[in-house]
Amino acid sequence: MPDPELIKRWKVTETLLERARHALPEVPHEQRSALLAQYQEFLKHNELGLAFDVLEELGHLLSARSGFWRDLERAAENIGLADRLPAVRKAFANAPTGRQES
């Protein structure tokens, strides 16, 4: 049986990844749909590192705002992806802030 602390970390990471996903810009894009389907499949199988990779790719593809990158940064910290933090923090620093205009 998995360690209760590990399960808690997985749930926190999953929540952060989902928050990041919901923060992605809503634009019609075929590649976006394929990547989101891949992300969902990884999440379903508890492949959080791979789900993170897909979201990071989507964030760059769609010019995600700072909130997306902040949630992705927290997810990376939570699952021990320390080597990914510099790139995510750089994307956060360069990202537009605030909400998108309608």
C-alpha atoms as a PDB file:
ATOM      1  CA  MET A   1       0.000   0.000   0.000  1.00  0.00           C
ATOM      2  CA  PRO A   2       1.411   3.408  -0.947  1.00  0.00           C
ATOM      3  CA  ASP A   3       2.568   5.765   1.760  1.00  0.00           C
ATOM      4  CA  PRO A   4      -0.234   8.184   2.825  1.00  0.00           C
ATOM      5  CA  GLU A   5       2.193  11.120   2.537  1.00  0.00           C
ATOM      6  CA  LEU A   6       3.012  10.122  -1.038  1.00  0.00           C
ATOM      7  CA  ILE A   7      -0.671   9.885  -1.910  1.00  0.00           C
ATOM      8  CA  LYS A   8      -1.209  13.360  -0.470  1.00  0.00           C
ATOM      9  CA  ARG A   9       1.659  14.748  -2.587  1.00  0.00           C
ATOM     10  CA  TRP A  10       0.190  13.121  -5.708  1.00  0.00           C
ATOM     11  CA  LYS A  11      -3.180  14.725  -5.027  1.00  0.00           C
ATOM     12  CA  VAL A  12      -1.616  18.153  -4.437  1.00  0.00           C
ATOM     13  CA  THR A  13       0.377  17.827  -7.663  1.00  0.00           C
ATOM     14  CA  GLU A  14      -2.681  16.701  -9.594  1.00  0.00           C
ATOM     15  CA  THR A  15      -4.609  19.709  -8.284  1.00  0.00           C
ATOM     16  CA  LEU A  16      -1.814  22.087  -9.307  1.00  0.00           C
ATOM     17  CA  LEU A  17      -1.585  20.543 -12.765  1.00  0.00           C
ATOM     18  CA  GLU A  18      -5.335  20.841 -13.227  1.00  0.00           C
ATOM     19  CA  ARG A  19      -5.261  24.485 -12.113  1.00  0.00           C
ATOM     20  CA  ALA A  20      -2.537  25.122 -14.668  1.00  0.00           C
ATOM     21  CA  ARG A  21      -4.542  23.349 -17.375  1.00  0.00           C
ATOM     22  CA  HIS A  22      -7.576  25.492 -16.642  1.00  0.00           C
ATOM     23  CA  ALA A  23      -5.403  28.608 -16.882  1.00  0.00           C
ATOM     24  CA  LEU A  24      -4.398  27.844 -20.480  1.00  0.00           C
ATOM     25  CA  PRO A  25      -5.783  30.210 -23.107  1.00  0.00           C
ATOM     26  CA  GLU A  26      -8.850  28.882 -24.894  1.00  0.00           C
ATOM     27  CA  VAL A  27      -7.861  28.919 -28.549  1.00  0.00           C
ATOM     28  CA  PRO A  28      -8.969  26.541 -31.274  1.00  0.00           C
ATOM     29  CA  HIS A  29      -5.889  24.588 -32.192  1.00  0.00           C
ATOM     30  CA  GLU A  30      -5.633  20.984 -33.391  1.00  0.00           C
ATOM     31  CA  GLN A  31      -2.304  20.390 -31.673  1.00  0.00           C
ATOM     32  CA  ARG A  32      -3.734  21.755 -28.409  1.00  0.00           C
ATOM     33  CA  SER A  33      -6.522  19.174 -28.499  1.00  0.00           C
ATOM     34  CA  ALA A  34      -4.132  16.291 -29.150  1.00  0.00           C
ATOM     35  CA  LEU A  35      -1.795  17.412 -26.389  1.00  0.00           C
ATOM     36  CA  LEU A  36      -4.655  17.841 -23.917  1.00  0.00           C
ATOM     37  CA  ALA A  37      -5.855  14.318 -24.679  1.00  0.00           C
ATOM     38  CA  GLN A  38      -2.323  13.062 -24.051  1.00  0.00           C
ATOM     39  CA  TYR A  39      -2.172  15.055 -20.801  1.00  0.00           C
ATOM     40  CA  GLN A  40      -5.466  13.526 -19.610  1.00  0.00           C
ATOM     41  CA  GLU A  41      -4.191  10.032 -20.377  1.00  0.00           C
ATOM     42  CA  PHE A  42      -0.997  10.610 -18.390  1.00  0.00           C
ATOM     43  CA  LEU A  43      -2.979  12.047 -15.477  1.00  0.00           C
ATOM     44  CA  LYS A  44      -5.363   9.087 -15.547  1.00  0.00           C
ATOM     45  CA  HIS A  45      -2.398   6.717 -15.146  1.00  0.00           C
ATOM     46  CA  ASN A  46      -0.743   8.844 -12.455  1.00  0.00           C
ATOM     47  CA  GLU A  47       2.188   9.726 -14.745  1.00  0.00           C
ATOM     48  CA  LEU A  48       2.522  13.174 -13.218  1.00  0.00           C
ATOM     49  CA  GLY A  49       5.953  13.940 -14.652  1.00  0.00           C
ATOM     50  CA  LEU A  50       4.757  13.195 -18.180  1.00  0.00           C
ATOM     51  CA  ALA A  51       1.584  15.220 -17.609  1.00  0.00           C
ATOM     52  CA  PHE A  52       3.812  18.076 -16.450  1.00  0.00           C
ATOM     53  CA  ASP A  53       5.855  17.806 -19.671  1.00  0.00           C
ATOM     54  CA  VAL A  54       2.745  18.103 -21.833  1.00  0.00           C
ATOM     55  CA  LEU A  55       1.462  21.122 -19.914  1.00  0.00           C
ATOM     56  CA  GLU A  56       4.831  22.819 -20.193  1.00  0.00           C
ATOM     57  CA  GLU A  57       4.769  22.282 -23.950  1.00  0.00           C
ATOM     58  CA  LEU A  58       1.225  23.667 -24.146  1.00  0.00           C
ATOM     59  CA  GLY A  59       2.211  26.676 -22.050  1.00  0.00           C
ATOM     60  CA  HIS A  60       4.917  27.592 -24.541  1.00  0.00           C
ATOM     61  CA  LEU A  61       2.730  26.802 -27.550  1.00  0.00           C
ATOM     62  CA  LEU A  62      -0.135  28.983 -26.309  1.00  0.00           C
ATOM     63  CA  SER A  63       1.855  31.776 -24.598  1.00  0.00           C
ATOM     64  CA  ALA A  64       0.330  31.025 -21.210  1.00  0.00           C
ATOM     65  CA  ARG A  65      -0.005  33.743 -18.610  1.00  0.00           C
ATOM     66  CA  SER A  66       1.961  33.962 -15.378  1.00  0.00           C
ATOM     67  CA  GLY A  67      -0.613  32.116 -13.230  1.00  0.00           C
ATOM     68  CA  PHE A  68      -0.190  29.022 -15.380  1.00  0.00           C
ATOM     69  CA  TRP A  69       3.575  29.081 -14.899  1.00  0.00           C
ATOM     70  CA  ARG A  70       3.292  29.660 -11.156  1.00  0.00           C
ATOM     71  CA  ASP A  71       1.080  26.572 -10.761  1.00  0.00           C
ATOM     72  CA  LEU A  72       3.452  24.568 -12.934  1.00  0.00           C
ATOM     73  CA  GLU A  73       6.371  25.744 -10.797  1.00  0.00           C
ATOM     74  CA  ARG A  74       4.624  24.566  -7.629  1.00  0.00           C
ATOM     75  CA  ALA A  75       3.821  21.218  -9.230  1.00  0.00           C
ATOM     76  CA  ALA A  76       7.485  20.775 -10.219  1.00  0.00           C
ATOM     77  CA  GLU A  77       8.583  21.557  -6.672  1.00  0.00           C
ATOM     78  CA  ASN A  78       6.037  19.124  -5.243  1.00  0.00           C
ATOM     79  CA  ILE A  79       7.101  16.162  -7.387  1.00  0.00           C
ATOM     80  CA  GLY A  80      10.811  16.851  -7.166  1.00  0.00           C
ATOM     81  CA  LEU A  81      11.493  18.146 -10.670  1.00  0.00           C
ATOM     82  CA  ALA A  82      14.164  20.543  -9.418  1.00  0.00           C
ATOM     83  CA  ASP A  83      16.024  20.432 -12.717  1.00  0.00           C
ATOM     84  CA  ARG A  84      12.940  21.851 -14.476  1.00  0.00           C
ATOM     85  CA  LEU A  85      12.480  24.806 -12.124  1.00  0.00           C
ATOM     86  CA  PRO A  86      14.861  27.267 -13.839  1.00  0.00           C
ATOM     87  CA  ALA A  87      13.044  26.975 -17.184  1.00  0.00           C
ATOM     88  CA  VAL A  88       9.610  27.234 -15.575  1.00  0.00           C
ATOM     89  CA  ARG A  89      10.676  30.249 -13.517  1.00  0.00           C
ATOM     90  CA  LYS A  90      12.081  31.919 -16.623  1.00  0.00           C
ATOM     91  CA  ALA A  91       8.786  31.322 -18.451  1.00  0.00           C
ATOM     92  CA  PHE A  92       6.945  32.788 -15.449  1.00  0.00           C
ATOM     93  CA  ALA A  93       9.153  35.887 -15.460  1.00  0.00           C
ATOM     94  CA  ASN A  94       8.569  36.415 -19.197  1.00  0.00           C
ATOM     95  CA  ALA A  95       4.844  35.625 -19.204  1.00  0.00           C
ATOM     96  CA  PRO A  96       2.121  38.232 -19.522  1.00  0.00           C
ATOM     97  CA  THR A  97       0.289  38.926 -16.268  1.00  0.00           C
ATOM     98  CA  GLY A  98      -3.385  39.368 -15.489  1.00  0.00           C
ATOM     99  CA  ARG A  99      -6.379  38.064 -17.357  1.00  0.00           C
ATOM    100  CA  GLN A 100      -6.793  37.806 -21.068  1.00  0.00           C
ATOM    101  CA  GLU A 101      -9.029  40.341 -22.739  1.00  0.00           C
ATOM    102  CA  SER A 102     -12.253  39.041 -24.193  1.00  0.00           C
END
